[in-house]
N, C-alpha and C. Protein backbone atom coordinates (compact mmCIF):
# COMPACT_ATOMS: atom_id res chain seq x y z
N MET A 1 28.37 40.99 -60.37
CA MET A 1 28.93 40.20 -59.31
C MET A 1 28.09 40.29 -58.04
N GLY A 2 27.65 41.54 -57.68
CA GLY A 2 26.82 41.73 -56.50
C GLY A 2 25.50 41.00 -56.62
N HIS A 3 24.98 40.94 -57.85
CA HIS A 3 23.72 40.24 -58.09
C HIS A 3 23.89 38.74 -57.88
N ASN A 4 25.02 38.23 -58.30
CA ASN A 4 25.34 36.80 -58.15
C ASN A 4 25.48 36.40 -56.68
N ASN A 5 26.14 37.27 -55.89
CA ASN A 5 26.29 36.99 -54.45
C ASN A 5 24.94 36.96 -53.75
N ARG A 6 24.07 37.86 -54.18
CA ARG A 6 22.74 37.91 -53.56
C ARG A 6 21.96 36.64 -53.86
N ASN A 7 22.02 36.16 -55.08
CA ASN A 7 21.34 34.91 -55.44
C ASN A 7 21.90 33.74 -54.64
N ASN A 8 23.21 33.71 -54.48
CA ASN A 8 23.83 32.63 -53.70
C ASN A 8 23.38 32.67 -52.23
N GLU A 9 23.29 33.91 -51.68
CA GLU A 9 22.84 34.06 -50.30
C GLU A 9 21.40 33.58 -50.14
N GLU A 10 20.53 33.96 -51.10
CA GLU A 10 19.13 33.55 -51.04
C GLU A 10 19.00 32.04 -51.13
N LYS A 11 19.81 31.42 -52.01
CA LYS A 11 19.76 29.97 -52.14
C LYS A 11 20.22 29.30 -50.85
N SER A 12 21.28 29.87 -50.24
CA SER A 12 21.77 29.25 -49.01
C SER A 12 20.76 29.45 -47.87
N HIS A 13 20.07 30.61 -47.83
CA HIS A 13 19.02 30.83 -46.82
C HIS A 13 17.87 29.86 -47.02
N HIS A 14 17.45 29.68 -48.29
CA HIS A 14 16.36 28.75 -48.58
C HIS A 14 16.76 27.33 -48.22
N GLN A 15 17.99 26.99 -48.56
CA GLN A 15 18.46 25.64 -48.26
C GLN A 15 18.53 25.43 -46.74
N ALA A 16 18.98 26.45 -46.00
CA ALA A 16 19.05 26.35 -44.54
C ALA A 16 17.64 26.21 -43.95
N ALA A 17 16.70 26.99 -44.48
CA ALA A 17 15.32 26.91 -44.01
C ALA A 17 14.73 25.54 -44.33
N ASP A 18 14.99 25.04 -45.53
CA ASP A 18 14.51 23.71 -45.91
C ASP A 18 15.10 22.64 -45.01
N ASN A 19 16.38 22.77 -44.71
CA ASN A 19 17.03 21.80 -43.82
C ASN A 19 16.41 21.85 -42.41
N LEU A 20 16.11 23.06 -41.95
CA LEU A 20 15.49 23.21 -40.64
C LEU A 20 14.09 22.60 -40.61
N VAL A 21 13.30 22.83 -41.67
CA VAL A 21 11.97 22.23 -41.77
C VAL A 21 12.08 20.71 -41.78
N ASN A 22 13.02 20.20 -42.54
CA ASN A 22 13.22 18.74 -42.59
C ASN A 22 13.62 18.19 -41.21
N LEU A 23 14.46 18.93 -40.51
CA LEU A 23 14.89 18.50 -39.18
C LEU A 23 13.70 18.45 -38.21
N PHE A 24 12.85 19.49 -38.24
CA PHE A 24 11.66 19.50 -37.39
C PHE A 24 10.69 18.40 -37.77
N THR A 25 10.52 18.15 -39.04
CA THR A 25 9.62 17.09 -39.49
C THR A 25 10.11 15.74 -38.99
N LYS A 26 11.41 15.50 -39.11
CA LYS A 26 11.97 14.24 -38.63
C LYS A 26 11.84 14.12 -37.11
N ALA A 27 12.11 15.22 -36.40
CA ALA A 27 11.99 15.21 -34.93
C ALA A 27 10.54 14.91 -34.52
N ASN A 28 9.58 15.52 -35.21
CA ASN A 28 8.17 15.27 -34.92
C ASN A 28 7.83 13.81 -35.16
N HIS A 29 8.31 13.26 -36.26
CA HIS A 29 8.06 11.85 -36.57
C HIS A 29 8.68 10.95 -35.50
N ASP A 30 9.91 11.27 -35.10
CA ASP A 30 10.58 10.47 -34.06
C ASP A 30 9.81 10.52 -32.74
N LEU A 31 9.30 11.70 -32.38
CA LEU A 31 8.52 11.83 -31.15
C LEU A 31 7.22 11.04 -31.22
N LEU A 32 6.58 11.03 -32.37
CA LEU A 32 5.36 10.23 -32.54
C LEU A 32 5.65 8.74 -32.39
N VAL A 33 6.79 8.31 -32.92
CA VAL A 33 7.18 6.90 -32.79
C VAL A 33 7.43 6.56 -31.32
N VAL A 34 8.13 7.44 -30.60
CA VAL A 34 8.40 7.22 -29.18
C VAL A 34 7.09 7.17 -28.40
N GLN A 35 6.17 8.10 -28.70
CA GLN A 35 4.87 8.10 -28.02
C GLN A 35 4.12 6.80 -28.28
N TYR A 36 4.11 6.34 -29.51
CA TYR A 36 3.42 5.10 -29.86
C TYR A 36 4.03 3.92 -29.11
N ARG A 37 5.37 3.87 -29.07
CA ARG A 37 6.04 2.76 -28.37
C ARG A 37 5.75 2.79 -26.87
N LEU A 38 5.76 4.01 -26.28
CA LEU A 38 5.45 4.12 -24.86
C LEU A 38 4.02 3.67 -24.57
N GLU A 39 3.08 4.09 -25.41
CA GLU A 39 1.69 3.68 -25.22
C GLU A 39 1.56 2.16 -25.27
N LYS A 40 2.21 1.54 -26.23
CA LYS A 40 2.16 0.08 -26.35
C LYS A 40 2.80 -0.59 -25.14
N GLU A 41 3.95 -0.07 -24.73
CA GLU A 41 4.66 -0.65 -23.58
C GLU A 41 3.82 -0.51 -22.31
N PHE A 42 3.23 0.67 -22.10
CA PHE A 42 2.39 0.88 -20.92
C PHE A 42 1.17 -0.01 -20.94
N GLN A 43 0.59 -0.24 -22.12
CA GLN A 43 -0.57 -1.13 -22.22
C GLN A 43 -0.20 -2.55 -21.83
N GLN A 44 1.01 -2.96 -22.16
CA GLN A 44 1.44 -4.32 -21.84
C GLN A 44 1.81 -4.46 -20.36
N ILE A 45 2.41 -3.44 -19.79
CA ILE A 45 2.93 -3.52 -18.42
C ILE A 45 1.86 -3.23 -17.37
N TYR A 46 1.06 -2.18 -17.60
CA TYR A 46 0.12 -1.71 -16.58
C TYR A 46 -1.31 -2.05 -16.95
N PRO A 47 -2.14 -2.31 -15.92
CA PRO A 47 -3.58 -2.45 -16.20
C PRO A 47 -4.14 -1.07 -16.58
N ASP A 48 -5.32 -1.06 -17.17
CA ASP A 48 -5.91 0.20 -17.64
C ASP A 48 -6.00 1.27 -16.55
N ASN A 49 -6.36 0.87 -15.33
CA ASN A 49 -6.55 1.87 -14.28
C ASN A 49 -5.24 2.36 -13.66
N ALA A 50 -4.10 1.81 -14.04
CA ALA A 50 -2.81 2.25 -13.50
C ALA A 50 -1.86 2.70 -14.60
N ASN A 51 -2.33 2.81 -15.82
CA ASN A 51 -1.49 3.24 -16.94
C ASN A 51 -1.10 4.71 -16.73
N PRO A 52 0.20 5.00 -16.59
CA PRO A 52 0.63 6.38 -16.30
C PRO A 52 0.14 7.40 -17.32
N MET A 53 0.11 7.03 -18.59
CA MET A 53 -0.33 7.99 -19.61
C MET A 53 -1.82 8.30 -19.44
N LYS A 54 -2.60 7.27 -19.12
CA LYS A 54 -4.03 7.49 -18.92
C LYS A 54 -4.27 8.27 -17.63
N LEU A 55 -3.46 8.00 -16.61
CA LEU A 55 -3.60 8.73 -15.35
C LEU A 55 -3.31 10.22 -15.54
N VAL A 56 -2.27 10.52 -16.29
CA VAL A 56 -1.94 11.93 -16.55
C VAL A 56 -3.08 12.59 -17.33
N SER A 57 -3.61 11.88 -18.30
CA SER A 57 -4.73 12.41 -19.08
C SER A 57 -5.94 12.66 -18.18
N ARG A 58 -6.23 11.73 -17.29
CA ARG A 58 -7.35 11.91 -16.36
C ARG A 58 -7.11 13.08 -15.42
N MET A 59 -5.87 13.22 -14.95
CA MET A 59 -5.55 14.32 -14.05
C MET A 59 -5.80 15.66 -14.74
N LYS A 60 -5.38 15.78 -16.00
CA LYS A 60 -5.61 17.02 -16.74
C LYS A 60 -7.11 17.29 -16.89
N LYS A 61 -7.86 16.25 -17.17
CA LYS A 61 -9.31 16.39 -17.33
C LYS A 61 -9.95 16.84 -16.02
N ILE A 62 -9.52 16.27 -14.90
CA ILE A 62 -10.06 16.65 -13.60
C ILE A 62 -9.72 18.10 -13.28
N GLN A 63 -8.50 18.51 -13.60
CA GLN A 63 -8.12 19.90 -13.36
C GLN A 63 -9.00 20.85 -14.17
N GLU A 64 -9.30 20.49 -15.42
CA GLU A 64 -10.19 21.31 -16.24
C GLU A 64 -11.59 21.34 -15.63
N GLU A 65 -12.06 20.19 -15.15
CA GLU A 65 -13.39 20.13 -14.55
C GLU A 65 -13.45 20.95 -13.26
N LEU A 66 -12.37 20.95 -12.49
CA LEU A 66 -12.33 21.75 -11.26
C LEU A 66 -12.46 23.23 -11.59
N SER A 67 -11.74 23.67 -12.61
CA SER A 67 -11.82 25.07 -13.01
C SER A 67 -13.23 25.41 -13.47
N SER A 68 -13.82 24.52 -14.25
CA SER A 68 -15.18 24.73 -14.74
C SER A 68 -16.17 24.76 -13.59
N LEU A 69 -16.02 23.85 -12.64
CA LEU A 69 -16.92 23.79 -11.49
C LEU A 69 -16.80 25.05 -10.65
N THR A 70 -15.59 25.54 -10.46
CA THR A 70 -15.39 26.76 -9.70
C THR A 70 -16.09 27.93 -10.39
N GLU A 71 -15.96 28.02 -11.71
CA GLU A 71 -16.61 29.09 -12.46
C GLU A 71 -18.13 28.98 -12.36
N GLN A 72 -18.65 27.77 -12.43
CA GLN A 72 -20.10 27.58 -12.31
C GLN A 72 -20.58 28.00 -10.92
N CYS A 73 -19.80 27.72 -9.91
CA CYS A 73 -20.17 28.13 -8.55
C CYS A 73 -20.18 29.65 -8.43
N ARG A 74 -19.20 30.29 -9.04
CA ARG A 74 -19.18 31.76 -9.03
C ARG A 74 -20.43 32.33 -9.70
N GLU A 75 -20.79 31.76 -10.84
CA GLU A 75 -21.98 32.22 -11.54
C GLU A 75 -23.23 32.00 -10.70
N LEU A 76 -23.30 30.85 -10.06
CA LEU A 76 -24.45 30.52 -9.22
C LEU A 76 -24.56 31.51 -8.06
N LEU A 77 -23.43 31.80 -7.44
CA LEU A 77 -23.45 32.67 -6.27
C LEU A 77 -23.57 34.14 -6.63
N SER A 78 -23.25 34.49 -7.87
CA SER A 78 -23.37 35.89 -8.26
C SER A 78 -24.82 36.32 -8.35
N ALA A 79 -25.74 35.37 -8.44
CA ALA A 79 -27.16 35.70 -8.46
C ALA A 79 -27.56 36.39 -7.16
N LYS A 80 -26.98 35.95 -6.05
CA LYS A 80 -27.14 36.58 -4.73
C LYS A 80 -28.60 36.72 -4.30
N GLN A 81 -29.46 35.87 -4.85
CA GLN A 81 -30.85 35.98 -4.42
C GLN A 81 -31.21 34.71 -3.69
N VAL A 82 -31.21 34.77 -2.38
CA VAL A 82 -31.45 33.60 -1.57
C VAL A 82 -32.91 33.51 -1.15
N LEU A 83 -33.47 34.63 -0.79
CA LEU A 83 -34.86 34.64 -0.33
C LEU A 83 -35.67 35.61 -1.19
N PHE A 84 -36.90 35.28 -1.43
CA PHE A 84 -37.78 36.28 -2.01
C PHE A 84 -39.11 36.22 -1.27
N PHE A 85 -39.76 37.36 -1.22
CA PHE A 85 -40.98 37.48 -0.44
C PHE A 85 -42.16 37.68 -1.38
N SER A 86 -43.27 37.12 -1.02
CA SER A 86 -44.52 37.44 -1.73
C SER A 86 -45.40 38.19 -0.75
N SER A 87 -46.44 38.79 -1.26
CA SER A 87 -47.32 39.55 -0.37
C SER A 87 -48.02 38.64 0.63
N ASN A 88 -48.15 37.40 0.29
CA ASN A 88 -48.80 36.44 1.18
C ASN A 88 -47.73 35.60 1.84
N LEU A 89 -47.68 35.57 3.17
CA LEU A 89 -46.62 34.84 3.88
C LEU A 89 -46.62 33.35 3.58
N ARG A 90 -47.78 32.80 3.19
CA ARG A 90 -47.82 31.37 2.87
C ARG A 90 -47.01 31.04 1.63
N ASN A 91 -46.82 32.05 0.77
CA ASN A 91 -46.09 31.81 -0.48
C ASN A 91 -44.60 32.10 -0.36
N LEU A 92 -44.15 32.35 0.87
CA LEU A 92 -42.73 32.58 1.07
C LEU A 92 -41.96 31.32 0.72
N ARG A 93 -40.96 31.48 -0.10
CA ARG A 93 -40.17 30.31 -0.53
C ARG A 93 -38.69 30.61 -0.34
N VAL A 94 -37.99 29.60 0.05
CA VAL A 94 -36.54 29.69 0.17
C VAL A 94 -35.94 28.89 -0.97
N LEU A 95 -35.08 29.52 -1.74
CA LEU A 95 -34.42 28.81 -2.83
C LEU A 95 -33.46 27.77 -2.27
N LYS A 96 -33.32 26.70 -2.95
CA LYS A 96 -32.51 25.58 -2.46
C LYS A 96 -31.06 25.67 -2.96
N LEU A 97 -30.49 26.85 -2.85
CA LEU A 97 -29.10 27.01 -3.26
C LEU A 97 -28.16 26.19 -2.39
N ARG A 98 -28.54 26.02 -1.13
CA ARG A 98 -27.66 25.26 -0.22
C ARG A 98 -27.48 23.83 -0.72
N ASP A 99 -28.56 23.22 -1.23
CA ASP A 99 -28.46 21.86 -1.77
C ASP A 99 -27.50 21.82 -2.95
N LEU A 100 -27.61 22.82 -3.83
CA LEU A 100 -26.72 22.86 -5.00
C LEU A 100 -25.26 23.02 -4.57
N ILE A 101 -25.05 23.87 -3.58
CA ILE A 101 -23.68 24.09 -3.11
C ILE A 101 -23.14 22.84 -2.44
N ASP A 102 -23.98 22.15 -1.67
CA ASP A 102 -23.54 20.90 -1.05
C ASP A 102 -23.16 19.87 -2.10
N LYS A 103 -23.95 19.78 -3.18
CA LYS A 103 -23.61 18.85 -4.26
C LYS A 103 -22.31 19.26 -4.94
N ALA A 104 -22.14 20.57 -5.19
CA ALA A 104 -20.91 21.04 -5.81
C ALA A 104 -19.71 20.73 -4.92
N ARG A 105 -19.88 20.92 -3.60
CA ARG A 105 -18.79 20.62 -2.67
C ARG A 105 -18.46 19.12 -2.70
N THR A 106 -19.50 18.28 -2.73
CA THR A 106 -19.29 16.83 -2.77
C THR A 106 -18.52 16.43 -4.02
N ILE A 107 -18.90 17.00 -5.16
CA ILE A 107 -18.22 16.70 -6.42
C ILE A 107 -16.78 17.19 -6.37
N LEU A 108 -16.58 18.42 -5.88
CA LEU A 108 -15.24 18.99 -5.81
C LEU A 108 -14.34 18.17 -4.90
N VAL A 109 -14.84 17.79 -3.74
CA VAL A 109 -14.04 16.98 -2.80
C VAL A 109 -13.75 15.61 -3.40
N GLY A 110 -14.75 15.00 -4.05
CA GLY A 110 -14.54 13.70 -4.69
C GLY A 110 -13.48 13.78 -5.77
N ASN A 111 -13.57 14.81 -6.62
CA ASN A 111 -12.56 14.99 -7.67
C ASN A 111 -11.19 15.26 -7.07
N ARG A 112 -11.16 16.02 -5.99
CA ARG A 112 -9.89 16.33 -5.32
C ARG A 112 -9.26 15.05 -4.77
N ASN A 113 -10.08 14.20 -4.13
CA ASN A 113 -9.57 12.94 -3.60
C ASN A 113 -9.05 12.04 -4.72
N LEU A 114 -9.78 12.00 -5.84
CA LEU A 114 -9.35 11.20 -6.98
C LEU A 114 -8.02 11.73 -7.52
N LEU A 115 -7.90 13.05 -7.61
CA LEU A 115 -6.66 13.66 -8.09
C LEU A 115 -5.50 13.31 -7.16
N GLN A 116 -5.72 13.35 -5.85
CA GLN A 116 -4.65 13.02 -4.91
C GLN A 116 -4.26 11.55 -5.00
N ARG A 117 -5.24 10.67 -5.20
CA ARG A 117 -4.92 9.24 -5.36
C ARG A 117 -4.09 9.03 -6.62
N MET A 118 -4.47 9.73 -7.70
CA MET A 118 -3.70 9.59 -8.94
C MET A 118 -2.29 10.15 -8.77
N GLN A 119 -2.17 11.28 -8.07
CA GLN A 119 -0.85 11.84 -7.83
C GLN A 119 -0.01 10.86 -7.01
N ALA A 120 -0.61 10.23 -6.03
CA ALA A 120 0.12 9.27 -5.20
C ALA A 120 0.54 8.06 -6.03
N SER A 121 -0.34 7.59 -6.91
CA SER A 121 0.00 6.39 -7.69
C SER A 121 1.05 6.68 -8.76
N THR A 122 1.15 7.93 -9.21
CA THR A 122 2.16 8.26 -10.21
C THR A 122 3.45 8.74 -9.57
N GLY A 123 3.43 8.93 -8.25
CA GLY A 123 4.65 9.34 -7.56
C GLY A 123 4.88 10.84 -7.60
N THR A 124 3.92 11.62 -8.08
CA THR A 124 4.09 13.07 -8.08
C THR A 124 3.73 13.60 -6.71
N SER A 125 4.22 14.81 -6.40
CA SER A 125 3.97 15.37 -5.07
C SER A 125 2.50 15.74 -4.95
N LEU A 126 1.96 15.48 -3.75
CA LEU A 126 0.55 15.75 -3.50
C LEU A 126 0.33 17.24 -3.28
N THR A 127 -0.76 17.75 -3.81
CA THR A 127 -1.13 19.14 -3.62
C THR A 127 -1.95 19.24 -2.35
N SER A 128 -1.51 20.10 -1.43
CA SER A 128 -2.25 20.25 -0.18
C SER A 128 -3.47 21.13 -0.42
N ASP A 129 -4.41 21.08 0.51
CA ASP A 129 -5.63 21.88 0.38
C ASP A 129 -5.30 23.36 0.29
N SER A 130 -4.32 23.81 1.07
CA SER A 130 -3.99 25.24 1.07
C SER A 130 -3.28 25.67 -0.22
N ASP A 131 -2.66 24.71 -0.93
CA ASP A 131 -1.98 25.04 -2.19
C ASP A 131 -2.89 24.92 -3.41
N ASP A 132 -4.12 24.51 -3.22
CA ASP A 132 -5.04 24.31 -4.33
C ASP A 132 -5.91 25.55 -4.51
N PRO A 133 -5.63 26.37 -5.54
CA PRO A 133 -6.39 27.61 -5.70
C PRO A 133 -7.87 27.36 -5.98
N ALA A 134 -8.21 26.29 -6.68
CA ALA A 134 -9.62 26.01 -6.99
C ALA A 134 -10.39 25.75 -5.70
N LEU A 135 -9.82 24.94 -4.81
CA LEU A 135 -10.48 24.62 -3.55
C LEU A 135 -10.55 25.86 -2.65
N THR A 136 -9.47 26.62 -2.60
CA THR A 136 -9.44 27.83 -1.79
C THR A 136 -10.50 28.83 -2.26
N ASN A 137 -10.57 29.05 -3.58
CA ASN A 137 -11.57 29.97 -4.13
C ASN A 137 -12.98 29.47 -3.86
N PHE A 138 -13.20 28.18 -4.03
CA PHE A 138 -14.53 27.60 -3.79
C PHE A 138 -14.94 27.83 -2.34
N ASN A 139 -14.04 27.54 -1.40
CA ASN A 139 -14.36 27.72 0.02
C ASN A 139 -14.62 29.20 0.35
N GLN A 140 -13.87 30.09 -0.28
CA GLN A 140 -14.08 31.52 -0.07
C GLN A 140 -15.46 31.94 -0.56
N ILE A 141 -15.86 31.44 -1.72
CA ILE A 141 -17.18 31.76 -2.27
C ILE A 141 -18.27 31.23 -1.35
N ILE A 142 -18.10 30.01 -0.86
CA ILE A 142 -19.09 29.41 0.05
C ILE A 142 -19.20 30.23 1.33
N ASP A 143 -18.06 30.67 1.87
CA ASP A 143 -18.09 31.48 3.09
C ASP A 143 -18.83 32.79 2.86
N GLU A 144 -18.56 33.44 1.71
CA GLU A 144 -19.26 34.69 1.39
C GLU A 144 -20.76 34.44 1.26
N TRP A 145 -21.12 33.35 0.61
CA TRP A 145 -22.54 33.02 0.43
C TRP A 145 -23.19 32.78 1.79
N THR A 146 -22.52 32.05 2.66
CA THR A 146 -23.06 31.75 3.99
C THR A 146 -23.29 33.05 4.77
N ASP A 147 -22.34 33.98 4.69
CA ASP A 147 -22.50 35.27 5.37
C ASP A 147 -23.73 36.02 4.84
N GLN A 148 -23.91 35.99 3.51
CA GLN A 148 -25.07 36.66 2.92
C GLN A 148 -26.37 36.02 3.39
N VAL A 149 -26.40 34.70 3.41
CA VAL A 149 -27.62 34.00 3.85
C VAL A 149 -27.93 34.35 5.30
N ARG A 150 -26.92 34.33 6.14
CA ARG A 150 -27.14 34.64 7.56
C ARG A 150 -27.68 36.06 7.73
N SER A 151 -27.11 37.02 7.00
CA SER A 151 -27.58 38.40 7.14
C SER A 151 -29.01 38.54 6.62
N ARG A 152 -29.34 37.84 5.53
CA ARG A 152 -30.70 37.93 5.00
C ARG A 152 -31.71 37.22 5.89
N ILE A 153 -31.31 36.09 6.47
CA ILE A 153 -32.22 35.39 7.38
C ILE A 153 -32.45 36.25 8.62
N GLY A 154 -31.39 36.88 9.11
CA GLY A 154 -31.54 37.78 10.25
C GLY A 154 -32.49 38.92 9.94
N MET A 155 -32.38 39.49 8.73
CA MET A 155 -33.27 40.57 8.31
C MET A 155 -34.71 40.05 8.20
N PHE A 156 -34.88 38.84 7.66
CA PHE A 156 -36.21 38.24 7.51
C PHE A 156 -36.86 38.03 8.88
N VAL A 157 -36.10 37.50 9.83
CA VAL A 157 -36.64 37.27 11.17
C VAL A 157 -37.01 38.60 11.82
N ALA A 158 -36.18 39.62 11.63
CA ALA A 158 -36.48 40.93 12.21
C ALA A 158 -37.76 41.51 11.61
N LEU A 159 -38.01 41.27 10.33
CA LEU A 159 -39.23 41.76 9.69
C LEU A 159 -40.45 40.92 10.06
N LEU A 160 -40.27 39.62 10.17
CA LEU A 160 -41.38 38.71 10.40
C LEU A 160 -41.82 38.67 11.86
N TYR A 161 -40.91 38.87 12.78
CA TYR A 161 -41.23 38.72 14.21
C TYR A 161 -42.39 39.62 14.65
N PRO A 162 -42.39 40.92 14.34
CA PRO A 162 -43.51 41.76 14.79
C PRO A 162 -44.86 41.30 14.21
N ILE A 163 -44.87 40.85 12.96
CA ILE A 163 -46.11 40.38 12.34
C ILE A 163 -46.61 39.14 13.06
N MET A 164 -45.73 38.19 13.31
CA MET A 164 -46.13 36.95 13.99
C MET A 164 -46.56 37.24 15.43
N ALA A 165 -45.87 38.14 16.10
CA ALA A 165 -46.23 38.47 17.48
C ALA A 165 -47.63 39.08 17.53
N ASP A 166 -47.94 39.98 16.60
CA ASP A 166 -49.28 40.58 16.55
C ASP A 166 -50.34 39.52 16.28
N THR A 167 -50.08 38.61 15.33
CA THR A 167 -51.04 37.57 14.98
C THR A 167 -51.29 36.65 16.17
N ILE A 168 -50.24 36.23 16.83
CA ILE A 168 -50.39 35.35 18.00
C ILE A 168 -51.12 36.10 19.10
N GLY A 169 -50.79 37.36 19.28
CA GLY A 169 -51.49 38.17 20.28
C GLY A 169 -52.97 38.27 19.97
N ASN A 170 -53.33 38.46 18.70
CA ASN A 170 -54.74 38.53 18.31
C ASN A 170 -55.46 37.21 18.58
N VAL A 171 -54.79 36.09 18.29
CA VAL A 171 -55.40 34.77 18.53
C VAL A 171 -55.66 34.60 20.02
N LEU A 172 -54.70 34.97 20.84
CA LEU A 172 -54.85 34.80 22.28
C LEU A 172 -55.93 35.73 22.83
N SER A 173 -56.09 36.91 22.21
CA SER A 173 -57.09 37.86 22.70
C SER A 173 -58.51 37.42 22.35
N LEU A 174 -58.68 36.48 21.43
CA LEU A 174 -60.01 35.98 21.09
C LEU A 174 -60.64 35.21 22.24
N GLY A 175 -59.85 34.84 23.15
CA GLY A 175 -60.35 34.03 24.25
C GLY A 175 -60.01 32.59 24.00
N LYS A 176 -60.16 31.82 25.05
CA LYS A 176 -59.72 30.43 24.98
C LYS A 176 -60.47 29.65 23.91
N LYS A 177 -61.84 29.72 23.87
CA LYS A 177 -62.62 28.92 22.93
C LYS A 177 -62.37 29.36 21.49
N ALA A 178 -62.48 30.64 21.23
CA ALA A 178 -62.30 31.14 19.85
C ALA A 178 -60.86 30.91 19.39
N GLY A 179 -59.92 31.13 20.28
CA GLY A 179 -58.51 30.90 19.93
C GLY A 179 -58.25 29.45 19.60
N LEU A 180 -58.85 28.54 20.36
CA LEU A 180 -58.67 27.12 20.09
C LEU A 180 -59.31 26.72 18.77
N ARG A 181 -60.50 27.31 18.46
CA ARG A 181 -61.13 27.03 17.15
C ARG A 181 -60.22 27.49 16.02
N PHE A 182 -59.64 28.68 16.20
CA PHE A 182 -58.73 29.23 15.20
C PHE A 182 -57.52 28.30 15.01
N LEU A 183 -56.99 27.82 16.11
CA LEU A 183 -55.85 26.90 16.04
C LEU A 183 -56.26 25.57 15.44
N ALA A 184 -57.47 25.12 15.74
CA ALA A 184 -57.93 23.83 15.24
C ALA A 184 -58.07 23.83 13.72
N LYS A 185 -58.28 24.99 13.14
CA LYS A 185 -58.39 25.08 11.68
C LYS A 185 -57.03 24.82 11.02
N GLY A 186 -56.01 24.73 11.80
CA GLY A 186 -54.69 24.39 11.25
C GLY A 186 -53.89 25.58 10.78
N LEU A 187 -54.32 26.77 11.16
CA LEU A 187 -53.57 27.94 10.71
C LEU A 187 -52.26 28.09 11.46
N PHE A 188 -52.22 27.59 12.71
CA PHE A 188 -51.00 27.64 13.51
C PHE A 188 -50.77 26.27 14.12
N PRO A 189 -50.42 25.28 13.33
CA PRO A 189 -50.28 23.92 13.85
C PRO A 189 -49.19 23.80 14.92
N VAL A 190 -48.17 24.61 14.86
CA VAL A 190 -47.09 24.51 15.85
C VAL A 190 -47.60 24.91 17.22
N ILE A 191 -48.37 25.99 17.27
CA ILE A 191 -48.90 26.46 18.55
C ILE A 191 -49.98 25.50 19.04
N ALA A 192 -50.79 24.96 18.12
CA ALA A 192 -51.86 24.04 18.49
C ALA A 192 -51.31 22.80 19.17
N GLY A 193 -50.14 22.36 18.76
CA GLY A 193 -49.55 21.16 19.34
C GLY A 193 -48.95 21.41 20.70
N ALA A 194 -48.76 22.66 21.09
CA ALA A 194 -48.10 22.97 22.36
C ALA A 194 -48.97 22.72 23.55
């Protein structure tokens, strides 16, 4: 008798599980039908650029791109190498990180404006600049980078000033004619123009 009850319980559990699977399958099918009907209805009612489903999809894509852009900016700024020196002052080069950051900022602001326009057109609440963690983090990274650049430029000027002062002093000590010949060779075009 106990064996029979156990078999009946197992059958009822299997039947309940099967019924639950069938219920979920039907619910999934019903949701797919509703999604299909909504897509068709939106295509008929709204133009492509105002279709709410497409706008939501674009908003999600922009949010993903913002996160990716923020991560790329972090990687770029983690290099922390803004200036490098060579033994020859003529070969001193400044990396153009500022241009890259300006482009990243332009893209981020453009995407942010697009996101706000989409939010406005769908009637969702607008995200303020202070509530946007991606924008806040990006601005914080830019501020840190700017501080690093300023400190390194200050260090560079402090190192370069004595060298330049000695060189200019040597040129002036050559006398007027020799100093002018030296300047005429184009080694110090800024001073020559003065």
